Amino acid sequence: MGFHSIKIESDSGEAINACSGHDRIWNGATTVYAECFIMAGMIGSVQFLHCNREANEVAHTLAKFAYDRNESCTWVDEPQVPD
């Protein structure tokens, strides 16, 4: 998408540490973490940040909605701000 600087937040400390290269994780998600680490290397600046679960509630709600409907969606535009 042409991004040069991004911040990625998650309430999973394991995911943040694995994707940022701080920990080596060997489990079912290892290939996903490895791909995130590789893709991060192709972007100029990537920060992996840990946030509390409460701060991530909207993301959890959207992910559950998509999972329950068995659909996926990619949002590439700016969010619309109500007037």
C-alpha atoms as a PDB file:
ATOM      1  CA  MET A   1       0.000   0.000   0.000  1.00  0.00           C
ATOM      2  CA  GLY A   2       3.058   2.261  -0.006  1.00  0.00           C
ATOM      3  CA  PHE A   3       3.290   2.947   3.729  1.00  0.00           C
ATOM      4  CA  HIS A   4       6.644   4.160   5.035  1.00  0.00           C
ATOM      5  CA  SER A   5       5.876   4.425   8.746  1.00  0.00           C
ATOM      6  CA  ILE A   6       3.253   2.480  10.707  1.00  0.00           C
ATOM      7  CA  LYS A   7       2.353   1.576  14.282  1.00  0.00           C
ATOM      8  CA  ILE A   8       0.827  -1.802  15.046  1.00  0.00           C
ATOM      9  CA  GLU A   9      -0.951  -2.282  18.362  1.00  0.00           C
ATOM     10  CA  SER A  10      -2.074  -5.504  19.990  1.00  0.00           C
ATOM     11  CA  ASP A  11      -3.142  -6.603  23.447  1.00  0.00           C
ATOM     12  CA  SER A  12      -1.119  -9.797  22.943  1.00  0.00           C
ATOM     13  CA  GLY A  13       2.307  -9.376  24.481  1.00  0.00           C
ATOM     14  CA  GLU A  14       3.407 -12.626  22.812  1.00  0.00           C
ATOM     15  CA  ALA A  15       2.450 -11.332  19.360  1.00  0.00           C
ATOM     16  CA  ILE A  16       4.144  -7.953  19.893  1.00  0.00           C
ATOM     17  CA  ASN A  17       7.375  -9.552  21.165  1.00  0.00           C
ATOM     18  CA  ALA A  18       7.424 -12.135  18.379  1.00  0.00           C
ATOM     19  CA  CYS A  19       6.686  -9.713  15.541  1.00  0.00           C
ATOM     20  CA  SER A  20       9.226  -7.182  16.783  1.00  0.00           C
ATOM     21  CA  GLY A  21      11.913  -9.880  16.993  1.00  0.00           C
ATOM     22  CA  HIS A  22      12.328  -9.699  20.784  1.00  0.00           C
ATOM     23  CA  ASP A  23      11.228 -13.306  21.397  1.00  0.00           C
ATOM     24  CA  ARG A  24      11.405 -16.470  19.349  1.00  0.00           C
ATOM     25  CA  ILE A  25       8.109 -18.283  19.574  1.00  0.00           C
ATOM     26  CA  TRP A  26       7.701 -21.879  18.386  1.00  0.00           C
ATOM     27  CA  ASN A  27       4.008 -22.714  18.203  1.00  0.00           C
ATOM     28  CA  GLY A  28       1.155 -22.788  15.695  1.00  0.00           C
ATOM     29  CA  ALA A  29       1.467 -19.054  15.040  1.00  0.00           C
ATOM     30  CA  THR A  30       5.212 -19.064  14.311  1.00  0.00           C
ATOM     31  CA  THR A  31       4.817 -18.731  10.544  1.00  0.00           C
ATOM     32  CA  VAL A  32       2.422 -15.796  10.983  1.00  0.00           C
ATOM     33  CA  TYR A  33       4.880 -14.037  13.315  1.00  0.00           C
ATOM     34  CA  ALA A  34       7.737 -14.706  10.886  1.00  0.00           C
ATOM     35  CA  GLU A  35       5.776 -13.223   7.985  1.00  0.00           C
ATOM     36  CA  CYS A  36       4.943 -10.107  10.065  1.00  0.00           C
ATOM     37  CA  PHE A  37       8.629  -9.713  10.938  1.00  0.00           C
ATOM     38  CA  ILE A  38       9.652 -10.049   7.272  1.00  0.00           C
ATOM     39  CA  MET A  39       6.979  -7.618   6.062  1.00  0.00           C
ATOM     40  CA  ALA A  40       7.955  -5.112   8.761  1.00  0.00           C
ATOM     41  CA  GLY A  41      11.477  -5.169   7.351  1.00  0.00           C
ATOM     42  CA  MET A  42      10.137  -4.010   3.975  1.00  0.00           C
ATOM     43  CA  ILE A  43       8.551  -0.881   5.497  1.00  0.00           C
ATOM     44  CA  GLY A  44      10.690   2.083   6.519  1.00  0.00           C
ATOM     45  CA  SER A  45       9.581   2.345  10.149  1.00  0.00           C
ATOM     46  CA  VAL A  46       7.360  -0.114  12.020  1.00  0.00           C
ATOM     47  CA  GLN A  47       6.577   0.059  15.715  1.00  0.00           C
ATOM     48  CA  PHE A  48       4.928  -2.894  17.455  1.00  0.00           C
ATOM     49  CA  LEU A  49       3.170  -1.581  20.557  1.00  0.00           C
ATOM     50  CA  HIS A  50       1.411  -3.376  23.377  1.00  0.00           C
ATOM     51  CA  CYS A  51      -1.916  -1.940  24.546  1.00  0.00           C
ATOM     52  CA  ASN A  52      -4.389  -3.009  27.213  1.00  0.00           C
ATOM     53  CA  ARG A  53      -7.316  -5.173  26.169  1.00  0.00           C
ATOM     54  CA  GLU A  54      -9.715  -2.345  27.065  1.00  0.00           C
ATOM     55  CA  ALA A  55      -7.998  -0.061  24.543  1.00  0.00           C
ATOM     56  CA  ASN A  56      -8.419  -2.717  21.868  1.00  0.00           C
ATOM     57  CA  GLU A  57     -12.136  -3.394  22.398  1.00  0.00           C
ATOM     58  CA  VAL A  58     -13.239  -1.949  19.037  1.00  0.00           C
ATOM     59  CA  ALA A  59     -10.762  -4.137  17.147  1.00  0.00           C
ATOM     60  CA  HIS A  60     -11.997  -7.221  19.028  1.00  0.00           C
ATOM     61  CA  THR A  61     -15.607  -6.357  18.251  1.00  0.00           C
ATOM     62  CA  LEU A  62     -14.885  -5.871  14.527  1.00  0.00           C
ATOM     63  CA  ALA A  63     -12.835  -9.067  14.330  1.00  0.00           C
ATOM     64  CA  LYS A  64     -15.592 -11.072  16.052  1.00  0.00           C
ATOM     65  CA  PHE A  65     -18.197  -9.573  13.713  1.00  0.00           C
ATOM     66  CA  ALA A  66     -16.165 -10.559  10.643  1.00  0.00           C
ATOM     67  CA  TYR A  67     -15.449 -14.027  12.071  1.00  0.00           C
ATOM     68  CA  ASP A  68     -19.099 -14.678  12.898  1.00  0.00           C
ATOM     69  CA  ARG A  69     -20.107 -13.673   9.353  1.00  0.00           C
ATOM     70  CA  ASN A  70     -17.233 -15.698   7.864  1.00  0.00           C
ATOM     71  CA  GLU A  71     -16.149 -12.669   5.806  1.00  0.00           C
ATOM     72  CA  SER A  72     -13.050 -10.553   5.541  1.00  0.00           C
ATOM     73  CA  CYS A  73     -12.587  -6.938   4.544  1.00  0.00           C
ATOM     74  CA  THR A  74      -9.680  -4.605   3.863  1.00  0.00           C
ATOM     75  CA  TRP A  75     -10.118  -0.933   4.684  1.00  0.00           C
ATOM     76  CA  VAL A  76      -7.689   1.245   2.730  1.00  0.00           C
ATOM     77  CA  ASP A  77      -9.375   4.665   2.857  1.00  0.00           C
ATOM     78  CA  GLU A  78      -9.497   7.311   5.539  1.00  0.00           C
ATOM     79  CA  PRO A  79     -12.355   6.841   8.016  1.00  0.00           C
ATOM     80  CA  GLN A  80     -15.312   9.112   7.456  1.00  0.00           C
ATOM     81  CA  VAL A  81     -15.772  11.674  10.200  1.00  0.00           C
ATOM     82  CA  PRO A  82     -19.365  12.706  10.927  1.00  0.00           C
ATOM     83  CA  ASP A  83     -20.154  16.415  10.466  1.00  0.00           C
END
